[in-house]
Amino acid sequence: MEKLSVVKQQQIIGSFFILILGLLLTACATSMIPQVDQAQAMVATDVVHTELATTVEEMVQVGTEAPEGNTLDVLADTLGNLSYSGLFPDQQITLTDGTAYYEDGGSGHPFVRLIDHLIATGDLNGDGVEDAVALLVDYSTGSGDFVYLAPVLNARNEPTPLDALMIGDRTPVKSLIIDKGQVIVEFIGPGPSDPLCCPTWNVRKVFSLEDDRLVEQSSEELSKVSLDDLSGTSWRLLDLNSDQEPVLPETEITLRFDDRQISGSAGCNDYNTTVSGDDLPQTLVVSQIATTARSCSEPISIQETNYLSRLAKVVAWRYDFGNLALTYKLEGGDFGELLFAPEEELMTNTNLTKPSSVTDLEAFYGAASQAGFGSAVLYEKQVASDDLEKMALEKYRYFVGDLWERYGEDAWMGPWKQVYARKPGAKPDIVAELRGIQDPEAAISAPMILDNIEAAEKARVALSAAYDDPAITDLWVFNLGDSGAMSGLLIAGRNNETGEAIFLVFLLD
């Protein structure tokens, strides 16, 4: 059996970007998008500018897992009905259901909106109580859409908003987290020689609270924006046209970028092709798409045809506050957008930074995926001890993906059994524990995890760092397989002090 290749870590990307192609055509006079003339590009920009401003509250909510009985939707609802200062001099603005309209003397209808699908949570002031940082956007009657960080202390119980801080105009936010009391935001921003209209750099800024105000601690220009930024990322389709055509219930359409190749499931059939494009403006051209030839029932087959047809007509990409939007051109010059959410965020229900032990493990065994073959590391911020086996089974099913239904639950659950449990008080040693598994069927898979992998010695070190913490008192190993050619193991480890859980799925034939 060939050794497994190192799997690139998935990026959790977030953002909001008013189409650069229109801005560059009008304000910066740079090269045009292929097959899109200047008038069409300006129309596309206006459509995105106006329609996105009215649809963000419909997007999928992503944040840390809420305490029992207090869902993420409740948190978004709470933050969407507060009064915020810092946006206008000596004036608060009160949101109702996530939106506040105001007058600014112009002829339009300006408003402020909470971006309810990208909310970071954590402890900002060290009091041990969960706080939050939300994003507010001021859609003024002018050309600017001003993006603010809005910190809220004690967000779930007695929410206390602090002054919002503007981070940019028409700023495509890629990600927002709270890590060790600091707010870390990544976005596309202007470099030293960029005009305000046309940012070209991936920027990371770090903020912390000082006297109940967010203060910038550092700013770093990471790299020039590139189509290659998407490499290694996986996405799940939310809507076939902004918020107008949501994906059918109980179906899943996925998109994976690997270098200049894309692949995924179109809802029934798998597909793959190559892509090309300019880094700036952020154009994207999709080559001829190859698909499998499974027969699909309606309405899934109709949705699949629509998705693949629109994917073939994509002309540009942009970040949309943690999501990815691919702009396509329809007949007659109209434009639409395929809107995706990060696949791992939907699966794990968290946008917090993962511990280094998890990301180190991902470097050898891969980040969360639905590959159904090979290995993946899946992380949960909070798992109850009684729910560890249930969550392990969910991760198993998630990793197998659409193969679960194709081969049937009976096939996948036939080999499922617990083959090892760490005894209370035992010295943690995951390598020795895996080598010592007595179950004959499971014992075949253990050496594959430990030895038959690229950089095996370093991989074992990463395994030990992830699972040999003395606080991981709940550690179970399960046998996996399809009752046929495929077999493997799932390691589930839960930190008894923090509730964090790490799952390693390994499945080969």
Protein backbone atom coordinates (compact mmCIF):
# COMPACT_ATOMS: atom_id res chain seq x y z
CA MET A 1 0.00 0.00 0.00
CA GLU A 2 1.35 3.43 -0.88
CA LYS A 3 2.10 5.86 1.88
CA LEU A 4 -0.38 8.67 2.42
CA SER A 5 0.64 12.09 1.17
CA VAL A 6 0.67 15.05 3.50
CA VAL A 7 -2.71 16.70 3.15
CA LYS A 8 -2.81 20.45 2.90
CA GLN A 9 -4.60 22.11 5.78
CA GLN A 10 -7.99 23.55 5.02
CA GLN A 11 -8.35 27.26 5.34
CA ILE A 12 -11.28 28.70 7.15
CA ILE A 13 -11.98 31.66 4.99
CA GLY A 14 -14.38 34.45 5.52
CA SER A 15 -15.14 37.70 3.76
CA PHE A 16 -17.16 40.40 2.10
CA PHE A 17 -16.07 41.81 -1.27
CA ILE A 18 -18.01 44.13 -3.59
CA LEU A 19 -17.03 42.76 -6.97
CA ILE A 20 -13.53 43.93 -7.78
CA LEU A 21 -14.11 43.46 -11.46
CA GLY A 22 -16.56 46.37 -11.62
CA LEU A 23 -14.54 48.60 -9.32
CA LEU A 24 -11.36 48.00 -11.22
CA LEU A 25 -13.02 48.62 -14.54
CA THR A 26 -14.49 51.93 -13.41
CA ALA A 27 -12.05 53.27 -10.81
CA CYS A 28 -8.72 51.72 -11.62
CA ALA A 29 -8.97 51.21 -15.39
CA THR A 30 -7.35 47.81 -15.31
CA SER A 31 -7.88 44.90 -17.67
CA MET A 32 -11.38 43.57 -18.22
CA ILE A 33 -12.75 40.19 -17.23
CA PRO A 34 -12.84 37.81 -20.20
CA GLN A 35 -16.17 37.99 -22.07
CA VAL A 36 -17.56 40.67 -19.74
CA ASP A 37 -17.70 44.18 -21.15
CA GLN A 38 -17.49 47.31 -19.02
CA ALA A 39 -21.22 48.02 -18.92
CA GLN A 40 -22.02 44.47 -17.92
CA ALA A 41 -19.39 44.47 -15.19
CA MET A 42 -20.82 47.70 -13.76
CA VAL A 43 -24.28 46.15 -13.74
CA ALA A 44 -22.93 43.09 -11.96
CA THR A 45 -21.32 45.28 -9.32
CA ASP A 46 -24.51 47.24 -8.72
CA VAL A 47 -26.58 44.06 -8.46
CA VAL A 48 -24.22 42.49 -5.93
CA HIS A 49 -23.92 45.77 -3.99
CA THR A 50 -27.66 46.17 -3.57
CA GLU A 51 -28.78 42.56 -3.32
CA LEU A 52 -26.16 41.41 -0.82
CA ALA A 53 -27.09 44.26 1.46
CA THR A 54 -30.61 42.84 1.68
CA THR A 55 -29.75 39.17 2.02
CA VAL A 56 -27.00 38.77 4.59
CA GLU A 57 -29.41 38.08 7.42
CA GLU A 58 -30.61 35.00 5.55
CA MET A 59 -27.15 33.36 5.49
CA VAL A 60 -26.06 30.38 7.59
CA GLN A 61 -25.07 31.21 11.16
CA VAL A 62 -21.58 30.11 12.16
CA GLY A 63 -20.08 30.57 15.61
CA THR A 64 -19.05 28.67 18.70
CA GLU A 65 -21.34 26.02 19.99
CA ALA A 66 -23.89 27.53 22.35
CA PRO A 67 -24.74 26.19 25.78
CA GLU A 68 -27.66 23.81 25.96
CA GLY A 69 -30.93 25.59 25.23
CA ASN A 70 -29.20 28.65 23.79
CA THR A 71 -28.60 28.22 20.06
CA LEU A 72 -26.51 30.23 17.67
CA ASP A 73 -29.66 31.67 16.20
CA VAL A 74 -30.54 32.99 19.64
CA LEU A 75 -27.11 34.66 19.90
CA ALA A 76 -27.53 36.30 16.50
CA ASP A 77 -31.03 37.40 17.49
CA THR A 78 -29.67 38.89 20.72
CA LEU A 79 -26.91 40.85 18.97
CA GLY A 80 -29.35 41.91 16.26
CA ASN A 81 -31.53 43.77 18.75
CA LEU A 82 -29.01 45.90 20.63
CA SER A 83 -27.94 49.54 20.50
CA TYR A 84 -24.40 50.23 19.25
CA SER A 85 -22.18 53.30 19.52
CA GLY A 86 -19.05 54.22 17.60
CA LEU A 87 -20.61 54.27 14.13
CA PHE A 88 -21.79 57.88 14.27
CA PRO A 89 -20.49 60.75 16.44
CA ASP A 90 -22.39 61.07 19.75
CA GLN A 91 -25.19 58.84 18.51
CA GLN A 92 -26.21 55.25 19.10
CA ILE A 93 -27.95 53.19 16.50
CA THR A 94 -30.47 50.55 17.55
CA LEU A 95 -30.90 47.40 15.50
CA THR A 96 -34.27 45.69 15.15
CA ASP A 97 -34.06 42.16 13.81
CA GLY A 98 -30.50 42.89 12.72
CA THR A 99 -31.14 46.13 10.82
CA ALA A 100 -31.39 49.85 11.56
CA TYR A 101 -32.45 52.45 8.99
CA TYR A 102 -31.42 56.08 9.29
CA GLU A 103 -31.35 59.36 7.39
CA ASP A 104 -28.14 60.97 6.21
CA GLY A 105 -29.48 63.74 4.02
CA GLY A 106 -29.09 61.75 0.81
CA SER A 107 -31.74 60.57 -1.55
CA GLY A 108 -31.32 56.90 -0.74
CA HIS A 109 -32.24 54.71 2.21
CA PRO A 110 -29.08 54.04 4.24
CA PHE A 111 -29.03 51.34 6.89
CA VAL A 112 -26.78 49.40 9.24
CA ARG A 113 -26.93 45.60 9.32
CA LEU A 114 -25.49 42.89 11.53
CA ILE A 115 -23.72 40.13 9.61
CA ASP A 116 -25.36 37.28 11.48
CA HIS A 117 -23.47 34.34 9.99
CA LEU A 118 -19.97 35.35 11.14
CA ILE A 119 -19.85 35.96 14.90
CA ALA A 120 -16.72 35.27 16.94
CA THR A 121 -17.08 34.26 20.59
CA GLY A 122 -14.60 33.99 23.43
CA ASP A 123 -13.43 35.77 26.56
CA LEU A 124 -12.31 39.32 25.70
CA ASN A 125 -11.67 40.72 29.18
CA GLY A 126 -10.50 37.72 31.19
CA ASP A 127 -13.54 37.43 33.45
CA GLY A 128 -14.33 33.89 32.38
CA VAL A 129 -17.63 34.91 30.74
CA GLU A 130 -18.28 34.42 27.03
CA ASP A 131 -18.12 37.63 24.98
CA ALA A 132 -18.65 38.17 21.26
CA VAL A 133 -17.45 40.27 18.36
CA ALA A 134 -19.89 40.87 15.55
CA LEU A 135 -19.56 42.65 12.23
CA LEU A 136 -21.74 45.66 11.45
CA VAL A 137 -21.91 47.16 7.97
CA ASP A 138 -23.07 50.71 7.31
CA TYR A 139 -24.61 50.76 3.83
CA SER A 140 -24.57 54.51 3.34
CA THR A 141 -26.12 56.42 0.45
CA GLY A 142 -22.63 57.14 -0.87
CA SER A 143 -20.30 54.64 -2.50
CA GLY A 144 -18.95 53.30 0.79
CA ASP A 145 -19.99 50.24 2.77
CA PHE A 146 -18.22 50.74 6.08
CA VAL A 147 -17.36 47.60 8.05
CA TYR A 148 -17.11 47.71 11.86
CA LEU A 149 -16.01 45.33 14.59
CA ALA A 150 -18.63 45.41 17.35
CA PRO A 151 -17.53 43.87 20.70
CA VAL A 152 -20.25 42.76 23.11
CA LEU A 153 -19.39 41.68 26.65
CA ASN A 154 -21.33 38.87 28.37
CA ALA A 155 -23.03 38.29 25.04
CA ARG A 156 -25.39 35.49 26.02
CA ASN A 157 -26.68 36.65 29.41
CA GLU A 158 -26.40 40.40 29.95
CA PRO A 159 -25.07 41.70 26.61
CA THR A 160 -23.19 44.97 26.90
CA PRO A 161 -22.08 46.47 23.58
CA LEU A 162 -18.87 48.50 23.55
CA ASP A 163 -17.87 51.10 20.95
CA ALA A 164 -17.69 49.67 17.44
CA LEU A 165 -14.45 50.19 15.53
CA MET A 166 -14.33 50.68 11.76
CA ILE A 167 -11.85 48.43 9.95
CA GLY A 168 -12.46 49.53 6.38
CA ASP A 169 -14.64 50.59 3.47
CA ARG A 170 -15.99 47.78 1.27
CA THR A 171 -13.68 45.46 3.15
CA PRO A 172 -13.83 41.77 2.14
CA VAL A 173 -13.54 40.08 5.55
CA LYS A 174 -12.16 36.57 5.24
CA SER A 175 -12.23 35.42 8.87
CA LEU A 176 -12.96 36.65 12.39
CA ILE A 177 -11.96 34.87 15.61
CA ILE A 178 -11.27 35.50 19.28
CA ASP A 179 -8.14 33.71 20.44
CA LYS A 180 -6.68 34.08 23.94
CA GLY A 181 -8.53 37.35 24.48
CA GLN A 182 -7.45 38.87 21.18
CA VAL A 183 -9.63 39.64 18.18
CA ILE A 184 -8.00 38.46 14.95
CA VAL A 185 -9.52 39.54 11.66
CA GLU A 186 -8.23 38.71 8.19
CA PHE A 187 -9.44 40.58 5.14
CA ILE A 188 -8.40 41.89 1.75
CA GLY A 189 -7.01 45.36 2.29
CA PRO A 190 -4.93 47.99 0.52
CA GLY A 191 -1.17 47.63 0.36
CA PRO A 192 1.28 50.54 0.48
CA SER A 193 0.66 51.59 -3.13
CA ASP A 194 -2.96 50.45 -3.60
CA PRO A 195 -5.74 52.96 -4.27
CA LEU A 196 -8.65 52.74 -1.83
CA CYS A 197 -10.89 51.32 -4.52
CA CYS A 198 -8.73 48.35 -5.30
CA PRO A 199 -7.17 46.41 -2.38
CA THR A 200 -4.73 43.68 -3.35
CA TRP A 201 -3.29 42.30 -0.10
CA ASN A 202 -4.33 39.63 2.39
CA VAL A 203 -4.11 41.51 5.70
CA ARG A 204 -4.28 40.30 9.29
CA LYS A 205 -5.03 42.70 12.14
CA VAL A 206 -5.01 41.89 15.85
CA PHE A 207 -7.01 43.86 18.42
CA SER A 208 -7.46 43.66 22.17
CA LEU A 209 -9.59 45.45 24.75
CA GLU A 210 -8.05 48.38 26.61
CA ASP A 211 -10.34 50.38 28.90
CA ASP A 212 -13.34 48.74 27.22
CA ARG A 213 -12.24 49.80 23.73
CA LEU A 214 -10.80 47.76 20.91
CA VAL A 215 -7.21 48.83 20.24
CA GLU A 216 -5.17 47.63 17.28
CA GLN A 217 -2.10 45.72 18.42
CA SER A 218 -0.62 44.68 15.09
CA SER A 219 -1.21 44.74 11.35
CA GLU A 220 0.49 42.44 8.86
CA GLU A 221 0.34 42.24 5.08
CA LEU A 222 0.48 38.49 4.52
CA SER A 223 0.54 38.10 0.75
CA LYS A 224 -0.87 39.40 -2.50
CA VAL A 225 -4.39 38.23 -3.27
CA SER A 226 -4.29 35.23 -5.59
CA LEU A 227 -6.55 32.54 -6.96
CA ASP A 228 -4.14 30.17 -5.24
CA ASP A 229 -5.48 31.45 -1.90
CA LEU A 230 -8.41 29.08 -2.45
CA SER A 231 -6.20 26.01 -2.81
CA GLY A 232 -6.85 23.47 -0.05
CA THR A 233 -10.28 24.86 0.85
CA SER A 234 -13.59 22.98 0.81
CA TRP A 235 -17.05 24.49 0.54
CA ARG A 236 -20.70 23.52 0.69
CA LEU A 237 -23.29 25.21 -1.51
CA LEU A 238 -25.93 27.27 0.28
CA ASP A 239 -27.73 28.85 -2.66
CA LEU A 240 -27.62 28.69 -6.46
CA ASN A 241 -28.27 32.44 -6.78
CA SER A 242 -27.44 34.53 -3.69
CA ASP A 243 -30.52 33.85 -1.52
CA GLN A 244 -33.05 33.17 -4.26
CA GLU A 245 -32.52 29.44 -4.91
CA PRO A 246 -31.53 27.59 -1.74
CA VAL A 247 -30.17 24.07 -2.04
CA LEU A 248 -32.84 21.37 -1.78
CA PRO A 249 -33.27 19.94 1.74
CA GLU A 250 -31.28 16.80 2.46
CA THR A 251 -29.00 17.31 -0.54
CA GLU A 252 -25.38 18.38 -0.53
CA ILE A 253 -23.34 20.09 -3.23
CA THR A 254 -19.65 20.51 -2.49
CA LEU A 255 -16.65 22.27 -4.00
CA ARG A 256 -12.98 21.57 -3.29
CA PHE A 257 -10.00 23.58 -4.59
CA ASP A 258 -6.63 21.86 -4.99
CA ASP A 259 -4.13 24.09 -6.76
CA ARG A 260 -5.86 24.94 -10.06
CA GLN A 261 -8.25 21.98 -9.94
CA ILE A 262 -11.75 21.77 -8.49
CA SER A 263 -13.87 18.76 -7.61
CA GLY A 264 -16.86 17.79 -5.53
CA SER A 265 -20.35 16.38 -5.51
CA ALA A 266 -23.06 18.04 -7.58
CA GLY A 267 -25.75 16.48 -5.40
CA CYS A 268 -25.81 13.08 -7.10
CA ASN A 269 -22.82 12.79 -9.43
CA ASP A 270 -19.21 13.67 -8.68
CA TYR A 271 -17.42 16.19 -10.89
CA ASN A 272 -13.97 17.64 -11.53
CA THR A 273 -12.24 20.10 -13.80
CA THR A 274 -9.48 22.70 -13.88
CA VAL A 275 -9.73 26.45 -13.38
CA SER A 276 -7.72 29.48 -14.39
CA GLY A 277 -7.97 33.23 -13.96
CA ASP A 278 -6.30 36.48 -13.08
CA ASP A 279 -5.41 37.19 -9.48
CA LEU A 280 -6.57 40.80 -9.78
CA PRO A 281 -9.27 41.35 -10.77
CA GLN A 282 -10.39 38.09 -9.18
CA THR A 283 -11.49 36.32 -12.35
CA LEU A 284 -12.19 32.62 -12.55
CA VAL A 285 -12.61 30.56 -15.71
CA VAL A 286 -13.87 26.96 -15.42
CA SER A 287 -12.76 24.41 -18.01
CA GLN A 288 -14.96 21.63 -19.38
CA ILE A 289 -16.48 19.72 -16.46
CA ALA A 290 -16.24 15.93 -16.26
CA THR A 291 -18.86 14.04 -14.22
CA THR A 292 -19.76 10.52 -13.26
CA ALA A 293 -22.84 9.02 -14.94
CA ARG A 294 -25.12 7.94 -12.11
CA SER A 295 -28.86 8.15 -12.71
CA CYS A 296 -30.44 10.79 -10.45
CA SER A 297 -34.10 11.28 -9.60
CA GLU A 298 -35.92 14.60 -9.84
CA PRO A 299 -35.78 17.23 -8.46
CA ILE A 300 -32.15 16.45 -7.54
CA SER A 301 -31.23 15.89 -11.18
CA ILE A 302 -32.66 19.29 -12.15
CA GLN A 303 -30.75 21.03 -9.34
CA GLU A 304 -27.55 19.22 -10.37
CA THR A 305 -27.94 20.32 -13.99
CA ASN A 306 -28.52 23.93 -12.91
CA TYR A 307 -25.49 23.88 -10.63
CA LEU A 308 -23.10 22.43 -13.20
CA SER A 309 -24.41 24.77 -15.90
CA ARG A 310 -23.84 27.83 -13.73
CA LEU A 311 -20.47 26.61 -12.48
CA ALA A 312 -19.36 26.35 -16.12
CA LYS A 313 -20.28 30.02 -16.61
CA VAL A 314 -18.42 31.42 -13.60
CA VAL A 315 -16.39 34.56 -14.35
CA ALA A 316 -15.22 35.79 -10.92
CA TRP A 317 -14.86 34.91 -7.24
CA ARG A 318 -15.01 36.91 -4.03
CA TYR A 319 -15.23 36.49 -0.28
CA ASP A 320 -18.55 37.22 1.42
CA PHE A 321 -18.08 37.41 5.21
CA GLY A 322 -16.80 33.89 5.73
CA ASN A 323 -18.51 32.54 2.65
CA LEU A 324 -17.37 32.20 -0.96
CA ALA A 325 -19.35 33.67 -3.86
CA LEU A 326 -18.74 32.62 -7.47
CA THR A 327 -20.26 35.05 -9.97
CA TYR A 328 -21.65 33.57 -13.18
CA LYS A 329 -22.92 35.21 -16.34
CA LEU A 330 -26.26 34.14 -17.76
CA GLU A 331 -27.67 34.51 -21.24
CA GLY A 332 -28.73 38.07 -21.88
CA GLY A 333 -25.93 39.51 -19.77
CA ASP A 334 -27.51 38.91 -16.35
CA PHE A 335 -25.36 37.79 -13.45
CA GLY A 336 -25.96 35.48 -10.50
CA GLU A 337 -23.91 34.00 -7.67
CA LEU A 338 -23.27 30.53 -6.34
CA LEU A 339 -22.94 31.04 -2.59
CA PHE A 340 -20.88 28.58 -0.52
CA ALA A 341 -20.10 28.24 3.18
CA PRO A 342 -16.85 26.70 4.42
CA GLU A 343 -17.53 22.98 4.61
CA GLU A 344 -15.66 22.45 7.86
CA GLU A 345 -17.46 25.32 9.59
CA LEU A 346 -20.85 23.85 8.75
CA MET A 347 -19.71 20.46 9.95
CA THR A 348 -18.06 21.50 13.21
CA ASN A 349 -20.32 24.44 14.04
CA THR A 350 -17.33 26.51 15.12
CA ASN A 351 -15.23 29.32 13.73
CA LEU A 352 -12.74 29.40 16.58
CA THR A 353 -9.08 28.72 16.04
CA LYS A 354 -8.28 25.05 16.52
CA PRO A 355 -5.54 24.08 19.01
CA SER A 356 -2.09 23.62 17.54
CA SER A 357 -2.26 19.92 18.44
CA VAL A 358 -5.18 19.59 16.01
CA THR A 359 -3.58 21.54 13.16
CA ASP A 360 -0.33 19.61 13.65
CA LEU A 361 -2.26 16.36 13.39
CA GLU A 362 -4.01 17.64 10.25
CA ALA A 363 -0.63 18.10 8.58
CA PHE A 364 -0.22 14.31 8.54
CA TYR A 365 -3.75 12.95 8.44
CA GLY A 366 -5.69 15.73 6.72
CA ALA A 367 -8.27 18.29 7.78
CA ALA A 368 -11.99 17.57 7.99
CA SER A 369 -13.32 16.24 4.70
CA GLN A 370 -15.85 13.91 3.14
CA ALA A 371 -13.31 12.02 1.10
CA GLY A 372 -14.63 8.66 2.30
CA PHE A 373 -11.14 7.21 1.82
CA GLY A 374 -7.82 7.95 3.53
CA SER A 375 -7.90 9.93 6.75
CA ALA A 376 -9.13 13.17 8.30
CA VAL A 377 -8.95 15.00 11.61
CA LEU A 378 -12.20 16.44 12.95
CA TYR A 379 -12.46 18.76 15.95
CA GLU A 380 -15.27 19.79 18.27
CA LYS A 381 -15.02 22.61 20.76
CA GLN A 382 -17.48 21.14 23.25
CA VAL A 383 -18.60 17.53 23.66
CA ALA A 384 -20.23 16.03 26.73
CA SER A 385 -18.67 12.82 28.03
CA ASP A 386 -21.92 10.94 27.51
CA ASP A 387 -22.06 12.11 23.88
CA LEU A 388 -18.57 11.06 22.79
CA GLU A 389 -19.60 7.83 21.05
CA LYS A 390 -22.60 9.52 19.42
CA MET A 391 -20.33 12.30 18.13
CA ALA A 392 -17.75 9.75 16.95
CA LEU A 393 -20.46 8.05 14.91
CA GLU A 394 -21.47 11.42 13.43
CA LYS A 395 -17.87 12.06 12.38
CA TYR A 396 -17.65 8.60 10.83
CA ARG A 397 -20.80 9.20 8.84
CA TYR A 398 -19.66 12.68 7.84
CA PHE A 399 -16.31 11.42 6.56
CA VAL A 400 -17.93 8.65 4.51
CA GLY A 401 -20.20 11.26 2.89
CA ASP A 402 -22.51 10.17 0.07
CA LEU A 403 -20.99 6.68 0.10
CA TRP A 404 -22.99 6.06 3.28
CA GLU A 405 -26.26 6.10 1.38
CA ARG A 406 -24.81 4.45 -1.71
CA TYR A 407 -23.62 1.33 0.13
CA GLY A 408 -26.26 1.47 2.84
CA GLU A 409 -26.12 1.99 6.60
CA ASP A 410 -26.08 -1.73 7.32
CA ALA A 411 -22.81 -2.09 5.40
CA TRP A 412 -21.07 0.73 7.23
CA MET A 413 -22.41 -0.15 10.68
CA GLY A 414 -21.62 -3.87 10.36
CA PRO A 415 -17.94 -3.49 11.41
CA TRP A 416 -18.65 -0.60 13.87
CA LYS A 417 -17.61 -1.54 17.40
CA GLN A 418 -15.50 -0.19 20.23
CA VAL A 419 -12.17 -2.05 20.24
CA TYR A 420 -10.33 -0.06 22.92
CA ALA A 421 -11.06 2.26 25.85
CA ARG A 422 -8.41 4.01 27.94
CA LYS A 423 -8.69 2.81 31.53
CA PRO A 424 -9.11 5.36 34.35
CA GLY A 425 -5.72 6.27 35.79
CA ALA A 426 -3.77 4.66 32.94
CA LYS A 427 -0.72 6.46 31.60
CA PRO A 428 -1.65 8.01 28.22
CA ASP A 429 0.41 6.51 25.38
CA ILE A 430 -1.62 6.49 22.18
CA VAL A 431 1.10 4.82 20.10
CA ALA A 432 1.45 1.90 22.52
CA GLU A 433 -2.31 1.73 22.97
CA LEU A 434 -2.90 1.41 19.21
CA ARG A 435 -0.17 -1.21 18.86
CA GLY A 436 -1.73 -3.16 21.72
CA ILE A 437 -5.26 -3.45 20.30
CA GLN A 438 -6.30 -7.09 20.65
CA ASP A 439 -9.23 -7.23 18.25
CA PRO A 440 -7.85 -9.11 15.20
CA GLU A 441 -9.80 -7.08 12.65
CA ALA A 442 -8.87 -3.72 14.15
CA ALA A 443 -5.25 -4.70 14.80
CA ILE A 444 -4.64 -4.82 11.04
CA SER A 445 -5.42 -1.11 10.71
CA ALA A 446 -3.31 0.18 13.62
CA PRO A 447 0.09 -0.13 11.84
CA MET A 448 -1.32 1.76 8.87
CA ILE A 449 -1.99 4.77 11.09
CA LEU A 450 1.36 4.55 12.87
CA ASP A 451 3.78 3.37 10.20
CA ASN A 452 2.35 3.42 6.70
CA ILE A 453 2.20 7.19 6.41
CA GLU A 454 4.54 9.86 5.12
CA ALA A 455 6.94 11.11 7.83
CA ALA A 456 5.71 8.35 10.15
CA GLU A 457 7.91 9.29 13.09
CA LYS A 458 6.70 12.89 13.05
CA ALA A 459 3.13 11.69 12.63
CA ARG A 460 3.47 9.60 15.79
CA VAL A 461 4.75 12.66 17.64
CA ALA A 462 1.67 14.59 16.47
CA LEU A 463 -0.57 11.73 17.62
CA SER A 464 1.02 11.81 21.05
CA ALA A 465 0.65 15.58 21.31
CA ALA A 466 -3.03 15.30 20.45
CA TYR A 467 -4.03 12.28 22.55
CA ASP A 468 -1.51 11.92 25.41
CA ASP A 469 -2.61 14.96 27.39
CA PRO A 470 -3.36 13.65 30.94
CA ALA A 471 -6.67 15.53 30.79
CA ILE A 472 -7.84 13.22 27.97
CA THR A 473 -9.42 10.62 30.22
CA ASP A 474 -12.06 9.66 27.65
CA LEU A 475 -10.28 7.91 24.78
CA TRP A 476 -11.99 5.27 22.68
CA VAL A 477 -11.05 3.50 19.46
CA PHE A 478 -13.70 2.15 17.09
CA ASN A 479 -13.44 -0.29 14.22
CA LEU A 480 -14.71 0.94 10.83
CA GLY A 481 -15.42 -0.54 7.41
CA ASP A 482 -17.92 -1.13 4.63
CA SER A 483 -18.41 -4.86 5.34
CA GLY A 484 -16.34 -5.43 2.22
CA ALA A 485 -12.98 -4.15 1.04
CA MET A 486 -12.60 -1.09 3.26
CA SER A 487 -11.52 -1.11 6.90
CA GLY A 488 -10.06 1.30 9.41
CA LEU A 489 -10.22 2.91 12.82
CA LEU A 490 -11.65 6.00 14.45
CA ILE A 491 -9.86 7.47 17.48
CA ALA A 492 -12.05 9.66 19.71
CA GLY A 493 -10.37 11.61 22.49
CA ARG A 494 -12.08 14.08 24.82
CA ASN A 495 -10.37 16.52 27.18
CA ASN A 496 -12.18 16.17 30.50
CA GLU A 497 -11.20 19.69 31.60
CA THR A 498 -12.21 21.68 28.49
CA GLY A 499 -14.73 19.40 26.78
CA GLU A 500 -12.75 19.63 23.50
CA ALA A 501 -12.70 16.48 21.41
CA ILE A 502 -10.43 15.29 18.59
CA PHE A 503 -11.50 12.60 16.14
CA LEU A 504 -9.12 10.86 13.74
CA VAL A 505 -10.82 8.81 11.02
CA PHE A 506 -8.68 6.36 9.03
CA LEU A 507 -10.31 4.26 6.29
CA LEU A 508 -8.53 2.31 3.54
CA ASP A 509 -8.99 -0.81 1.42
